[in-house]
């Protein structure tokens, strides 16, 4: 199951830079993960300074 980014996101872009499949883009209020592209690798969670990406 894909990761999702919660409201703790500070829009720093660290998660997007760490995503090997480019599944993350800037959304209206925070970064967003395209669940159809996400491979559930967790790289975004490891790169995020505020632990906003969470496994679902």
N, C-alpha and C. Protein backbone atom coordinates (compact mmCIF):
# COMPACT_ATOMS: atom_id res chain seq x y z
N UNK A 1 0.84 -1.17 0.00
CA UNK A 1 0.00 0.00 0.00
C UNK A 1 0.89 1.25 0.00
N UNK A 2 0.48 2.27 -0.68
CA UNK A 2 1.29 3.49 -0.86
C UNK A 2 1.39 4.31 0.42
N UNK A 3 2.42 5.13 0.46
CA UNK A 3 2.59 6.08 1.54
C UNK A 3 1.68 7.29 1.27
N UNK A 4 1.35 8.02 2.33
CA UNK A 4 0.64 9.30 2.21
C UNK A 4 1.37 10.31 3.06
N UNK A 5 1.23 11.58 2.72
CA UNK A 5 1.89 12.65 3.47
C UNK A 5 0.84 13.37 4.31
N UNK A 6 1.08 13.42 5.62
CA UNK A 6 0.09 14.05 6.51
C UNK A 6 0.29 15.56 6.60
N UNK A 7 -0.54 16.20 7.40
CA UNK A 7 -0.54 17.66 7.51
C UNK A 7 0.68 18.23 8.24
N UNK A 8 1.56 17.38 8.75
CA UNK A 8 2.79 17.86 9.38
C UNK A 8 3.79 18.36 8.34
N UNK A 9 3.53 18.09 7.07
CA UNK A 9 4.43 18.46 5.97
C UNK A 9 4.72 19.95 5.97
N UNK A 10 6.00 20.29 5.78
CA UNK A 10 6.42 21.70 5.73
C UNK A 10 6.83 22.12 4.32
N UNK A 11 6.50 21.31 3.32
CA UNK A 11 6.79 21.61 1.91
C UNK A 11 8.26 21.87 1.60
N UNK A 12 9.14 21.15 2.25
CA UNK A 12 10.57 21.38 2.02
C UNK A 12 11.06 20.68 0.75
N UNK A 13 10.34 19.64 0.30
CA UNK A 13 10.72 18.92 -0.91
C UNK A 13 11.72 17.81 -0.72
N UNK A 14 12.15 17.56 0.50
CA UNK A 14 13.13 16.51 0.75
C UNK A 14 12.59 15.14 0.33
N UNK A 15 11.32 14.91 0.56
CA UNK A 15 10.73 13.62 0.20
C UNK A 15 10.73 13.42 -1.32
N UNK A 16 10.41 14.47 -2.06
CA UNK A 16 10.38 14.38 -3.52
C UNK A 16 11.77 14.10 -4.07
N UNK A 17 12.76 14.74 -3.50
CA UNK A 17 14.14 14.53 -3.94
C UNK A 17 14.60 13.10 -3.68
N UNK A 18 14.06 12.46 -2.64
CA UNK A 18 14.46 11.11 -2.29
C UNK A 18 13.65 10.01 -2.96
N UNK A 19 12.59 10.38 -3.67
CA UNK A 19 11.71 9.37 -4.28
C UNK A 19 12.32 8.83 -5.58
N UNK A 20 12.58 7.51 -5.64
CA UNK A 20 13.21 6.94 -6.84
C UNK A 20 12.29 6.83 -8.06
N UNK A 21 10.98 6.97 -7.85
CA UNK A 21 10.04 6.84 -8.98
C UNK A 21 9.30 8.15 -9.26
N UNK A 22 9.74 9.23 -8.66
CA UNK A 22 9.16 10.56 -8.88
C UNK A 22 7.64 10.57 -8.67
N UNK A 23 7.19 9.96 -7.56
CA UNK A 23 5.77 9.87 -7.25
C UNK A 23 5.26 11.05 -6.43
N UNK A 24 6.16 11.96 -6.05
CA UNK A 24 5.78 13.05 -5.14
C UNK A 24 5.84 14.39 -5.85
N UNK A 25 4.78 15.17 -5.63
CA UNK A 25 4.73 16.52 -6.21
C UNK A 25 4.12 17.48 -5.20
N UNK A 26 4.26 18.77 -5.47
CA UNK A 26 3.73 19.78 -4.57
C UNK A 26 2.22 19.90 -4.75
N UNK A 27 1.49 19.78 -3.66
CA UNK A 27 0.04 19.91 -3.69
C UNK A 27 -0.38 21.28 -3.21
N UNK A 28 -1.66 21.47 -3.00
CA UNK A 28 -2.20 22.77 -2.60
C UNK A 28 -1.73 23.18 -1.21
N UNK A 29 -1.71 22.23 -0.26
CA UNK A 29 -1.33 22.58 1.10
C UNK A 29 -0.08 21.86 1.60
N UNK A 30 0.30 20.78 0.93
CA UNK A 30 1.52 20.05 1.28
C UNK A 30 1.90 19.13 0.12
N UNK A 31 3.05 18.50 0.21
CA UNK A 31 3.49 17.57 -0.82
C UNK A 31 2.49 16.41 -0.88
N UNK A 32 2.34 15.83 -2.07
CA UNK A 32 1.39 14.73 -2.24
C UNK A 32 2.06 13.57 -2.98
N UNK A 33 1.65 12.35 -2.63
CA UNK A 33 2.19 11.15 -3.26
C UNK A 33 1.13 10.56 -4.18
N UNK A 34 1.53 10.27 -5.41
CA UNK A 34 0.65 9.62 -6.37
C UNK A 34 0.67 8.13 -6.04
N UNK A 35 -0.43 7.63 -5.49
CA UNK A 35 -0.50 6.23 -5.05
C UNK A 35 -0.35 5.25 -6.20
N UNK A 36 -0.67 5.65 -7.41
CA UNK A 36 -0.54 4.77 -8.56
C UNK A 36 0.92 4.58 -8.98
N UNK A 37 1.78 5.49 -8.56
CA UNK A 37 3.19 5.43 -8.94
C UNK A 37 4.06 4.94 -7.77
N UNK A 38 3.64 5.22 -6.55
CA UNK A 38 4.39 4.86 -5.34
C UNK A 38 4.66 3.35 -5.30
N UNK A 39 5.92 2.99 -4.99
CA UNK A 39 6.30 1.58 -4.89
C UNK A 39 6.48 1.13 -3.44
N UNK A 40 6.07 1.98 -2.49
CA UNK A 40 6.08 1.64 -1.07
C UNK A 40 7.48 1.33 -0.54
N UNK A 41 8.47 2.07 -1.03
CA UNK A 41 9.85 1.80 -0.63
C UNK A 41 10.25 2.49 0.67
N UNK A 42 9.55 3.58 1.04
CA UNK A 42 9.85 4.28 2.27
C UNK A 42 10.97 5.31 2.19
N UNK A 43 11.52 5.54 1.01
CA UNK A 43 12.60 6.52 0.86
C UNK A 43 12.14 7.91 1.28
N UNK A 44 10.90 8.24 0.98
CA UNK A 44 10.36 9.56 1.35
C UNK A 44 10.33 9.73 2.87
N UNK A 45 9.92 8.69 3.57
CA UNK A 45 9.84 8.76 5.03
C UNK A 45 11.23 8.95 5.64
N UNK A 46 12.22 8.31 5.07
CA UNK A 46 13.58 8.45 5.57
C UNK A 46 14.18 9.82 5.30
N UNK A 47 13.71 10.49 4.26
CA UNK A 47 14.25 11.80 3.88
C UNK A 47 13.56 12.95 4.57
N UNK A 48 12.36 12.74 5.10
CA UNK A 48 11.54 13.82 5.66
C UNK A 48 12.00 14.22 7.06
N UNK A 49 12.26 15.54 7.29
CA UNK A 49 12.71 15.98 8.61
C UNK A 49 11.59 16.03 9.66
N UNK A 50 10.32 15.95 9.24
CA UNK A 50 9.22 16.02 10.21
C UNK A 50 8.34 14.76 10.20
N UNK A 51 8.79 13.69 9.59
CA UNK A 51 8.08 12.41 9.55
C UNK A 51 6.67 12.51 9.00
N UNK A 52 6.48 13.36 7.97
CA UNK A 52 5.13 13.52 7.38
C UNK A 52 4.69 12.34 6.52
N UNK A 53 5.58 11.70 5.73
CA UNK A 53 5.13 10.53 4.97
C UNK A 53 4.89 9.34 5.90
N UNK A 54 3.73 8.74 5.77
CA UNK A 54 3.37 7.61 6.62
C UNK A 54 2.86 6.46 5.77
N UNK A 55 3.20 5.24 6.15
CA UNK A 55 2.69 4.06 5.46
C UNK A 55 1.21 3.90 5.78
N UNK A 56 0.45 3.51 4.80
CA UNK A 56 -0.98 3.31 4.98
C UNK A 56 -1.30 1.85 5.06
